[in-house]
Amino acid sequence: MSLIFIIPNDTIFTVPWFIEVKTNRRDELKLFLSSKGIQTRIMYPPLNEQKAINVNGHFPVSKNIGKTGLWLPSHVQLTDEEINYITDNIIMFFNK
């Protein structure tokens, strides 16, 4: 995996609810962005491991996303300045 991977969205037929990324440094990135006033959210744990579903089996994609997935700020009123602030800080994190 590259340093950070943006999970693609089908923007032709849907409006993304979240901006989803994966990184092996998810927890560090979350803390760093929080220190800059940028709220993020760790993606849900693997669906098969959630109490309501609880299905045994081998689900490597679900496991990987649950371990590396992070939701970035997203809402229709984010300004270009705010988006630049978020992306600049992500770049700063991976360049330090």
PDB file of N, CA and C in Angstrom:
ATOM      1  N   MET A   1       0.856  -1.181   0.000  1.00  0.00           N
ATOM      2  CA  MET A   1       0.000   0.000   0.000  1.00  0.00           C
ATOM      3  C   MET A   1       0.895   1.236   0.000  1.00  0.00           C
ATOM      4  N   SER A   2       0.491   2.232  -0.767  1.00  0.00           N
ATOM      5  CA  SER A   2       1.216   3.496  -0.732  1.00  0.00           C
ATOM      6  C   SER A   2       1.036   4.112   0.655  1.00  0.00           C
ATOM      7  N   LEU A   3       1.635   5.253   0.894  1.00  0.00           N
ATOM      8  CA  LEU A   3       1.523   5.888   2.202  1.00  0.00           C
ATOM      9  C   LEU A   3       0.073   6.118   2.602  1.00  0.00           C
ATOM     10  N   ILE A   4      -0.731   6.567   1.645  1.00  0.00           N
ATOM     11  CA  ILE A   4      -2.154   6.758   1.880  1.00  0.00           C
ATOM     12  C   ILE A   4      -2.880   6.456   0.576  1.00  0.00           C
ATOM     13  N   PHE A   5      -4.015   5.800   0.698  1.00  0.00           N
ATOM     14  CA  PHE A   5      -4.792   5.385  -0.465  1.00  0.00           C
ATOM     15  C   PHE A   5      -6.214   5.888  -0.290  1.00  0.00           C
ATOM     16  N   ILE A   6      -6.709   6.646  -1.249  1.00  0.00           N
ATOM     17  CA  ILE A   6      -8.086   7.119  -1.212  1.00  0.00           C
ATOM     18  C   ILE A   6      -8.968   6.027  -1.807  1.00  0.00           C
ATOM     19  N   ILE A   7      -9.931   5.569  -1.031  1.00  0.00           N
ATOM     20  CA  ILE A   7     -10.852   4.539  -1.522  1.00  0.00           C
ATOM     21  C   ILE A   7     -11.784   5.214  -2.523  1.00  0.00           C
ATOM     22  N   PRO A   8     -11.815   4.735  -3.763  1.00  0.00           N
ATOM     23  CA  PRO A   8     -12.603   5.407  -4.797  1.00  0.00           C
ATOM     24  C   PRO A   8     -14.111   5.333  -4.532  1.00  0.00           C
ATOM     25  N   ASN A   9     -14.799   6.359  -4.987  1.00  0.00           N
ATOM     26  CA  ASN A   9     -16.258   6.432  -4.914  1.00  0.00           C
ATOM     27  C   ASN A   9     -16.818   6.570  -6.322  1.00  0.00           C
ATOM     28  N   ASP A  10     -17.978   6.008  -6.529  1.00  0.00           N
ATOM     29  CA  ASP A  10     -18.673   6.168  -7.801  1.00  0.00           C
ATOM     30  C   ASP A  10     -19.432   7.491  -7.732  1.00  0.00           C
ATOM     31  N   THR A  11     -18.817   8.555  -8.209  1.00  0.00           N
ATOM     32  CA  THR A  11     -19.437   9.882  -8.117  1.00  0.00           C
ATOM     33  C   THR A  11     -20.386  10.165  -9.279  1.00  0.00           C
ATOM     34  N   ILE A  12     -20.542   9.230 -10.187  1.00  0.00           N
ATOM     35  CA  ILE A  12     -21.510   9.410 -11.276  1.00  0.00           C
ATOM     36  C   ILE A  12     -22.922   9.123 -10.768  1.00  0.00           C
ATOM     37  N   PHE A  13     -23.063   8.079  -9.949  1.00  0.00           N
ATOM     38  CA  PHE A  13     -24.388   7.672  -9.491  1.00  0.00           C
ATOM     39  C   PHE A  13     -24.633   7.921  -8.003  1.00  0.00           C
ATOM     40  N   THR A  14     -23.606   8.335  -7.268  1.00  0.00           N
ATOM     41  CA  THR A  14     -23.778   8.572  -5.835  1.00  0.00           C
ATOM     42  C   THR A  14     -23.051   9.838  -5.410  1.00  0.00           C
ATOM     43  N   VAL A  15     -23.452  10.358  -4.280  1.00  0.00           N
ATOM     44  CA  VAL A  15     -22.729  11.455  -3.638  1.00  0.00           C
ATOM     45  C   VAL A  15     -22.065  10.848  -2.409  1.00  0.00           C
ATOM     46  N   PRO A  16     -20.730  10.848  -2.362  1.00  0.00           N
ATOM     47  CA  PRO A  16     -20.045  10.204  -1.241  1.00  0.00           C
ATOM     48  C   PRO A  16     -20.448  10.830   0.095  1.00  0.00           C
ATOM     49  N   TRP A  17     -20.726   9.970   1.045  1.00  0.00           N
ATOM     50  CA  TRP A  17     -21.058  10.417   2.383  1.00  0.00           C
ATOM     51  C   TRP A  17     -19.775  10.676   3.164  1.00  0.00           C
ATOM     52  N   PHE A  18     -18.755   9.887   2.904  1.00  0.00           N
ATOM     53  CA  PHE A  18     -17.471  10.003   3.576  1.00  0.00           C
ATOM     54  C   PHE A  18     -16.357  10.111   2.548  1.00  0.00           C
ATOM     55  N   ILE A  19     -15.250  10.685   2.975  1.00  0.00           N
ATOM     56  CA  ILE A  19     -14.002  10.592   2.227  1.00  0.00           C
ATOM     57  C   ILE A  19     -13.195   9.531   2.960  1.00  0.00           C
ATOM     58  N   GLU A  20     -13.043   8.385   2.321  1.00  0.00           N
ATOM     59  CA  GLU A  20     -12.438   7.230   2.963  1.00  0.00           C
ATOM     60  C   GLU A  20     -11.018   7.024   2.456  1.00  0.00           C
ATOM     61  N   VAL A  21     -10.100   6.835   3.414  1.00  0.00           N
ATOM     62  CA  VAL A  21      -8.713   6.556   3.059  1.00  0.00           C
ATOM     63  C   VAL A  21      -8.236   5.354   3.859  1.00  0.00           C
ATOM     64  N   LYS A  22      -7.171   4.745   3.367  1.00  0.00           N
ATOM     65  CA  LYS A  22      -6.505   3.668   4.089  1.00  0.00           C
ATOM     66  C   LYS A  22      -5.038   4.046   4.236  1.00  0.00           C
ATOM     67  N   THR A  23      -4.489   3.775   5.407  1.00  0.00           N
ATOM     68  CA  THR A  23      -3.058   3.957   5.630  1.00  0.00           C
ATOM     69  C   THR A  23      -2.623   3.048   6.771  1.00  0.00           C
ATOM     70  N   ASN A  24      -1.445   2.478   6.636  1.00  0.00           N
ATOM     71  CA  ASN A  24      -0.888   1.657   7.707  1.00  0.00           C
ATOM     72  C   ASN A  24      -0.526   2.505   8.923  1.00  0.00           C
ATOM     73  N   ARG A  25      -0.524   3.814   8.762  1.00  0.00           N
ATOM     74  CA  ARG A  25      -0.211   4.736   9.869  1.00  0.00           C
ATOM     75  C   ARG A  25      -1.472   5.470  10.334  1.00  0.00           C
ATOM     76  N   ARG A  26      -2.612   4.790  10.239  1.00  0.00           N
ATOM     77  CA  ARG A  26      -3.905   5.406  10.536  1.00  0.00           C
ATOM     78  C   ARG A  26      -3.949   6.079  11.910  1.00  0.00           C
ATOM     79  N   ASP A  27      -3.560   5.365  12.959  1.00  0.00           N
ATOM     80  CA  ASP A  27      -3.696   5.918  14.308  1.00  0.00           C
ATOM     81  C   ASP A  27      -2.798   7.136  14.507  1.00  0.00           C
ATOM     82  N   GLU A  28      -1.588   7.068  13.961  1.00  0.00           N
ATOM     83  CA  GLU A  28      -0.672   8.217  14.035  1.00  0.00           C
ATOM     84  C   GLU A  28      -1.244   9.415  13.272  1.00  0.00           C
ATOM     85  N   LEU A  29      -1.758   9.162  12.073  1.00  0.00           N
ATOM     86  CA  LEU A  29      -2.335  10.239  11.267  1.00  0.00           C
ATOM     87  C   LEU A  29      -3.524  10.857  11.976  1.00  0.00           C
ATOM     88  N   LYS A  30      -4.372  10.041  12.559  1.00  0.00           N
ATOM     89  CA  LYS A  30      -5.547  10.549  13.295  1.00  0.00           C
ATOM     90  C   LYS A  30      -5.109  11.483  14.414  1.00  0.00           C
ATOM     91  N   LEU A  31      -4.118  11.075  15.190  1.00  0.00           N
ATOM     92  CA  LEU A  31      -3.617  11.922  16.289  1.00  0.00           C
ATOM     93  C   LEU A  31      -3.014  13.215  15.764  1.00  0.00           C
ATOM     94  N   PHE A  32      -2.243  13.113  14.691  1.00  0.00           N
ATOM     95  CA  PHE A  32      -1.617  14.294  14.114  1.00  0.00           C
ATOM     96  C   PHE A  32      -2.677  15.280  13.636  1.00  0.00           C
ATOM     97  N   LEU A  33      -3.648  14.795  12.884  1.00  0.00           N
ATOM     98  CA  LEU A  33      -4.690  15.686  12.374  1.00  0.00           C
ATOM     99  C   LEU A  33      -5.505  16.283  13.515  1.00  0.00           C
ATOM    100  N   SER A  34      -5.762  15.505  14.536  1.00  0.00           N
ATOM    101  CA  SER A  34      -6.483  16.017  15.704  1.00  0.00           C
ATOM    102  C   SER A  34      -5.714  17.171  16.354  1.00  0.00           C
ATOM    103  N   SER A  35      -4.401  17.049  16.405  1.00  0.00           N
ATOM    104  CA  SER A  35      -3.579  18.122  16.999  1.00  0.00           C
ATOM    105  C   SER A  35      -3.632  19.401  16.167  1.00  0.00           C
ATOM    106  N   LYS A  36      -4.057  19.277  14.921  1.00  0.00           N
ATOM    107  CA  LYS A  36      -4.200  20.424  14.023  1.00  0.00           C
ATOM    108  C   LYS A  36      -5.648  20.900  13.942  1.00  0.00           C
ATOM    109  N   GLY A  37      -6.516  20.330  14.801  1.00  0.00           N
ATOM    110  CA  GLY A  37      -7.918  20.727  14.815  1.00  0.00           C
ATOM    111  C   GLY A  37      -8.764  20.089  13.718  1.00  0.00           C
ATOM    112  N   ILE A  38      -8.272  18.996  13.151  1.00  0.00           N
ATOM    113  CA  ILE A  38      -8.983  18.302  12.068  1.00  0.00           C
ATOM    114  C   ILE A  38      -9.564  17.015  12.636  1.00  0.00           C
ATOM    115  N   GLN A  39     -10.890  16.930  12.622  1.00  0.00           N
ATOM    116  CA  GLN A  39     -11.556  15.746  13.152  1.00  0.00           C
ATOM    117  C   GLN A  39     -11.624  14.655  12.088  1.00  0.00           C
ATOM    118  N   THR A  40     -11.339  13.434  12.513  1.00  0.00           N
ATOM    119  CA  THR A  40     -11.443  12.264  11.652  1.00  0.00           C
ATOM    120  C   THR A  40     -12.187  11.193  12.438  1.00  0.00           C
ATOM    121  N   ARG A  41     -12.453  10.094  11.781  1.00  0.00           N
ATOM    122  CA  ARG A  41     -13.124   8.988  12.459  1.00  0.00           C
ATOM    123  C   ARG A  41     -12.582   7.677  11.911  1.00  0.00           C
ATOM    124  N   ILE A  42     -12.237   6.786  12.814  1.00  0.00           N
ATOM    125  CA  ILE A  42     -11.782   5.468  12.409  1.00  0.00           C
ATOM    126  C   ILE A  42     -12.969   4.729  11.809  1.00  0.00           C
ATOM    127  N   MET A  43     -12.720   4.059  10.699  1.00  0.00           N
ATOM    128  CA  MET A  43     -13.788   3.321  10.029  1.00  0.00           C
ATOM    129  C   MET A  43     -14.258   2.156  10.903  1.00  0.00           C
ATOM    130  N   TYR A  44     -15.451   1.669  10.622  1.00  0.00           N
ATOM    131  CA  TYR A  44     -16.032   0.586  11.392  1.00  0.00           C
ATOM    132  C   TYR A  44     -15.108  -0.624  11.419  1.00  0.00           C
ATOM    133  N   PRO A  45     -15.161  -1.385  12.517  1.00  0.00           N
ATOM    134  CA  PRO A  45     -14.416  -2.652  12.522  1.00  0.00           C
ATOM    135  C   PRO A  45     -15.007  -3.585  11.470  1.00  0.00           C
ATOM    136  N   PRO A  46     -14.296  -4.645  11.121  1.00  0.00           N
ATOM    137  CA  PRO A  46     -14.810  -5.558  10.107  1.00  0.00           C
ATOM    138  C   PRO A  46     -16.256  -5.955  10.414  1.00  0.00           C
ATOM    139  N   LEU A  47     -17.107  -5.891   9.403  1.00  0.00           N
ATOM    140  CA  LEU A  47     -18.534  -6.171   9.604  1.00  0.00           C
ATOM    141  C   LEU A  47     -18.763  -7.562  10.192  1.00  0.00           C
ATOM    142  N   ASN A  48     -18.020  -8.541   9.724  1.00  0.00           N
ATOM    143  CA  ASN A  48     -18.232  -9.903  10.212  1.00  0.00           C
ATOM    144  C   ASN A  48     -17.886 -10.053  11.691  1.00  0.00           C
ATOM    145  N   GLU A  49     -17.104  -9.111  12.235  1.00  0.00           N
ATOM    146  CA  GLU A  49     -16.713  -9.181  13.643  1.00  0.00           C
ATOM    147  C   GLU A  49     -17.632  -8.361  14.548  1.00  0.00           C
ATOM    148  N   GLN A  50     -18.555  -7.616  13.976  1.00  0.00           N
ATOM    149  CA  GLN A  50     -19.461  -6.821  14.790  1.00  0.00           C
ATOM    150  C   GLN A  50     -20.501  -7.718  15.443  1.00  0.00           C
ATOM    151  N   LYS A  51     -20.851  -7.360  16.654  1.00  0.00           N
ATOM    152  CA  LYS A  51     -21.744  -8.187  17.470  1.00  0.00           C
ATOM    153  C   LYS A  51     -23.050  -8.550  16.742  1.00  0.00           C
ATOM    154  N   ALA A  52     -23.616  -7.609  16.018  1.00  0.00           N
ATOM    155  CA  ALA A  52     -24.901  -7.853  15.354  1.00  0.00           C
ATOM    156  C   ALA A  52     -24.798  -8.883  14.230  1.00  0.00           C
ATOM    157  N   ILE A  53     -23.621  -9.016  13.653  1.00  0.00           N
ATOM    158  CA  ILE A  53     -23.451  -9.931  12.512  1.00  0.00           C
ATOM    159  C   ILE A  53     -22.725 -11.193  12.947  1.00  0.00           C
ATOM    160  N   ASN A  54     -21.525 -11.023  13.506  1.00  0.00           N
ATOM    161  CA  ASN A  54     -20.739 -12.100  14.100  1.00  0.00           C
ATOM    162  C   ASN A  54     -20.685 -13.359  13.238  1.00  0.00           C
ATOM    163  N   VAL A  55     -20.024 -13.249  12.090  1.00  0.00           N
ATOM    164  CA  VAL A  55     -19.875 -14.376  11.170  1.00  0.00           C
ATOM    165  C   VAL A  55     -18.417 -14.816  11.173  1.00  0.00           C
ATOM    166  N   ASN A  56     -18.198 -16.084  11.462  1.00  0.00           N
ATOM    167  CA  ASN A  56     -16.839 -16.613  11.416  1.00  0.00           C
ATOM    168  C   ASN A  56     -16.409 -16.783   9.970  1.00  0.00           C
ATOM    169  N   GLY A  57     -15.121 -16.659   9.743  1.00  0.00           N
ATOM    170  CA  GLY A  57     -14.602 -16.863   8.402  1.00  0.00           C
ATOM    171  C   GLY A  57     -13.395 -15.982   8.168  1.00  0.00           C
ATOM    172  N   HIS A  58     -12.864 -16.077   6.968  1.00  0.00           N
ATOM    173  CA  HIS A  58     -11.677 -15.319   6.571  1.00  0.00           C
ATOM    174  C   HIS A  58     -12.116 -14.219   5.604  1.00  0.00           C
ATOM    175  N   PHE A  59     -12.046 -12.976   6.062  1.00  0.00           N
ATOM    176  CA  PHE A  59     -12.478 -11.830   5.265  1.00  0.00           C
ATOM    177  C   PHE A  59     -11.345 -10.803   5.230  1.00  0.00           C
ATOM    178  N   PRO A  60     -10.312 -11.037   4.412  1.00  0.00           N
ATOM    179  CA  PRO A  60      -9.115 -10.194   4.443  1.00  0.00           C
ATOM    180  C   PRO A  60      -9.369  -8.736   4.071  1.00  0.00           C
ATOM    181  N   VAL A  61     -10.267  -8.455   3.150  1.00  0.00           N
ATOM    182  CA  VAL A  61     -10.522  -7.067   2.754  1.00  0.00           C
ATOM    183  C   VAL A  61     -11.184  -6.322   3.911  1.00  0.00           C
ATOM    184  N   SER A  62     -12.196  -6.923   4.489  1.00  0.00           N
ATOM    185  CA  SER A  62     -12.882  -6.328   5.628  1.00  0.00           C
ATOM    186  C   SER A  62     -11.908  -6.100   6.781  1.00  0.00           C
ATOM    187  N   LYS A  63     -11.066  -7.075   7.048  1.00  0.00           N
ATOM    188  CA  LYS A  63     -10.068  -6.983   8.126  1.00  0.00           C
ATOM    189  C   LYS A  63      -9.101  -5.831   7.852  1.00  0.00           C
ATOM    190  N   ASN A  64      -8.640  -5.718   6.612  1.00  0.00           N
ATOM    191  CA  ASN A  64      -7.695  -4.662   6.251  1.00  0.00           C
ATOM    192  C   ASN A  64      -8.315  -3.277   6.393  1.00  0.00           C
ATOM    193  N   ILE A  65      -9.533  -3.112   5.933  1.00  0.00           N
ATOM    194  CA  ILE A  65     -10.185  -1.810   6.033  1.00  0.00           C
ATOM    195  C   ILE A  65     -10.454  -1.465   7.496  1.00  0.00           C
ATOM    196  N   GLY A  66     -10.859  -2.442   8.282  1.00  0.00           N
ATOM    197  CA  GLY A  66     -11.089  -2.199   9.695  1.00  0.00           C
ATOM    198  C   GLY A  66      -9.828  -1.790  10.437  1.00  0.00           C
ATOM    199  N   LYS A  67      -8.695  -2.223   9.937  1.00  0.00           N
ATOM    200  CA  LYS A  67      -7.399  -1.954  10.587  1.00  0.00           C
ATOM    201  C   LYS A  67      -6.745  -0.667  10.077  1.00  0.00           C
ATOM    202  N   THR A  68      -7.009  -0.300   8.824  1.00  0.00           N
ATOM    203  CA  THR A  68      -6.285   0.829   8.221  1.00  0.00           C
ATOM    204  C   THR A  68      -7.181   1.988   7.783  1.00  0.00           C
ATOM    205  N   GLY A  69      -8.513   1.808   7.861  1.00  0.00           N
ATOM    206  CA  GLY A  69      -9.448   2.799   7.318  1.00  0.00           C
ATOM    207  C   GLY A  69      -9.681   4.001   8.217  1.00  0.00           C
ATOM    208  N   LEU A  70      -9.756   5.160   7.588  1.00  0.00           N
ATOM    209  CA  LEU A  70      -9.993   6.418   8.298  1.00  0.00           C
ATOM    210  C   LEU A  70     -10.916   7.284   7.453  1.00  0.00           C
ATOM    211  N   TRP A  71     -11.916   7.881   8.105  1.00  0.00           N
ATOM    212  CA  TRP A  71     -12.780   8.831   7.428  1.00  0.00           C
ATOM    213  C   TRP A  71     -12.256  10.229   7.669  1.00  0.00           C
ATOM    214  N   LEU A  72     -12.089  10.976   6.590  1.00  0.00           N
ATOM    215  CA  LEU A  72     -11.661  12.375   6.662  1.00  0.00           C
ATOM    216  C   LEU A  72     -12.888  13.272   6.708  1.00  0.00           C
ATOM    217  N   PRO A  73     -12.704  14.519   7.118  1.00  0.00           N
ATOM    218  CA  PRO A  73     -13.846  15.438   7.145  1.00  0.00           C
ATOM    219  C   PRO A  73     -14.486  15.557   5.765  1.00  0.00           C
ATOM    220  N   SER A  74     -15.806  15.560   5.760  1.00  0.00           N
ATOM    221  CA  SER A  74     -16.518  15.760   4.501  1.00  0.00           C
ATOM    222  C   SER A  74     -17.904  16.318   4.799  1.00  0.00           C
ATOM    223  N   HIS A  75     -18.196  17.396   4.179  1.00  0.00           N
ATOM    224  CA  HIS A  75     -19.543  17.944   4.178  1.00  0.00           C
ATOM    225  C   HIS A  75     -19.616  18.975   3.066  1.00  0.00           C
ATOM    226  N   VAL A  76     -20.813  19.279   2.637  1.00  0.00           N
ATOM    227  CA  VAL A  76     -20.978  20.118   1.454  1.00  0.00           C
ATOM    228  C   VAL A  76     -20.505  21.555   1.671  1.00  0.00           C
ATOM    229  N   GLN A  77     -20.329  21.961   2.904  1.00  0.00           N
ATOM    230  CA  GLN A  77     -19.925  23.343   3.161  1.00  0.00           C
ATOM    231  C   GLN A  77     -18.432  23.501   3.440  1.00  0.00           C
ATOM    232  N   LEU A  78     -17.649  22.440   3.229  1.00  0.00           N
ATOM    233  CA  LEU A  78     -16.196  22.583   3.356  1.00  0.00           C
ATOM    234  C   LEU A  78     -15.721  23.581   2.305  1.00  0.00           C
ATOM    235  N   THR A  79     -14.957  24.555   2.736  1.00  0.00           N
ATOM    236  CA  THR A  79     -14.438  25.541   1.788  1.00  0.00           C
ATOM    237  C   THR A  79     -13.162  25.009   1.146  1.00  0.00           C
ATOM    238  N   ASP A  80     -12.773  25.619   0.043  1.00  0.00           N
ATOM    239  CA  ASP A  80     -11.497  25.253  -0.588  1.00  0.00           C
ATOM    240  C   ASP A  80     -10.352  25.458   0.399  1.00  0.00           C
ATOM    241  N   GLU A  81     -10.432  26.497   1.195  1.00  0.00           N
ATOM    242  CA  GLU A  81      -9.391  26.779   2.195  1.00  0.00           C
ATOM    243  C   GLU A  81      -9.314  25.641   3.217  1.00  0.00           C
ATOM    244  N   GLU A  82     -10.458  25.153   3.673  1.00  0.00           N
ATOM    245  CA  GLU A  82     -10.466  24.050   4.637  1.00  0.00           C
ATOM    246  C   GLU A  82      -9.944  22.759   4.003  1.00  0.00           C
ATOM    247  N   ILE A  83     -10.334  22.491   2.776  1.00  0.00           N
ATOM    248  CA  ILE A  83      -9.840  21.304   2.081  1.00  0.00           C
ATOM    249  C   ILE A  83      -8.324  21.391   1.914  1.00  0.00           C
ATOM    250  N   ASN A  84      -7.830  22.560   1.545  1.00  0.00           N
ATOM    251  CA  ASN A  84      -6.382  22.748   1.415  1.00  0.00           C
ATOM    252  C   ASN A  84      -5.680  22.550   2.755  1.00  0.00           C
ATOM    253  N   TYR A  85      -6.279  23.029   3.836  1.00  0.00           N
ATOM    254  CA  TYR A  85      -5.694  22.871   5.170  1.00  0.00           C
ATOM    255  C   TYR A  85      -5.594  21.389   5.526  1.00  0.00           C
ATOM    256  N   ILE A  86      -6.658  20.648   5.253  1.00  0.00           N
ATOM    257  CA  ILE A  86      -6.663  19.209   5.540  1.00  0.00           C
ATOM    258  C   ILE A  86      -5.598  18.498   4.712  1.00  0.00           C
ATOM    259  N   THR A  87      -5.602  18.737   3.414  1.00  0.00           N
ATOM    260  CA  THR A  87      -4.648  18.031   2.541  1.00  0.00           C
ATOM    261  C   THR A  87      -3.214  18.463   2.822  1.00  0.00           C
ATOM    262  N   ASP A  88      -2.991  19.739   3.084  1.00  0.00           N
ATOM    263  CA  ASP A  88      -1.634  20.203   3.422  1.00  0.00           C
ATOM    264  C   ASP A  88      -1.111  19.503   4.669  1.00  0.00           C
ATOM    265  N   ASN A  89      -1.976  19.308   5.651  1.00  0.00           N
ATOM    266  CA  ASN A  89      -1.543  18.645   6.878  1.00  0.00           C
ATOM    267  C   ASN A  89      -1.314  17.159   6.676  1.00  0.00           C
ATOM    268  N   ILE A  90      -2.081  16.531   5.810  1.00  0.00           N
ATOM    269  CA  ILE A  90      -1.817  15.129   5.494  1.00  0.00           C
ATOM    270  C   ILE A  90      -0.459  14.999   4.804  1.00  0.00           C
ATOM    271  N   ILE A  91      -0.191  15.880   3.857  1.00  0.00           N
ATOM    272  CA  ILE A  91       1.102  15.876   3.164  1.00  0.00           C
ATOM    273  C   ILE A  91       2.222  16.120   4.171  1.00  0.00           C
ATOM    274  N   MET A  92       2.031  17.083   5.074  1.00  0.00           N
ATOM    275  CA  MET A  92       3.047  17.392   6.087  1.00  0.00           C
ATOM    276  C   MET A  92       3.317  16.160   6.953  1.00  0.00           C
ATOM    277  N   PHE A  93       2.269  15.462   7.352  1.00  0.00           N
ATOM    278  CA  PHE A  93       2.431  14.272   8.172  1.00  0.00           C
ATOM    279  C   PHE A  93       3.311  13.230   7.478  1.00  0.00           C
ATOM    280  N   PHE A  94       3.043  12.953   6.220  1.00  0.00           N
ATOM    281  CA  PHE A  94       3.802  11.911   5.525  1.00  0.00           C
ATOM    282  C   PHE A  94       5.189  12.375   5.100  1.00  0.00           C
ATOM    283  N   ASN A  95       5.440  13.667   5.115  1.00  0.00           N
ATOM    284  CA  ASN A  95       6.766  14.174   4.765  1.00  0.00           C
ATOM    285  C   ASN A  95       7.674  14.409   5.959  1.00  0.00           C
ATOM    286  N   LYS A  96       7.121  14.222   7.171  1.00  0.00           N
ATOM    287  CA  LYS A  96       7.968  14.487   8.350  1.00  0.00           C
ATOM    288  C   LYS A  96       8.878  13.338   8.656  1.00  0.00           C
TER     289      LYS A  96
END
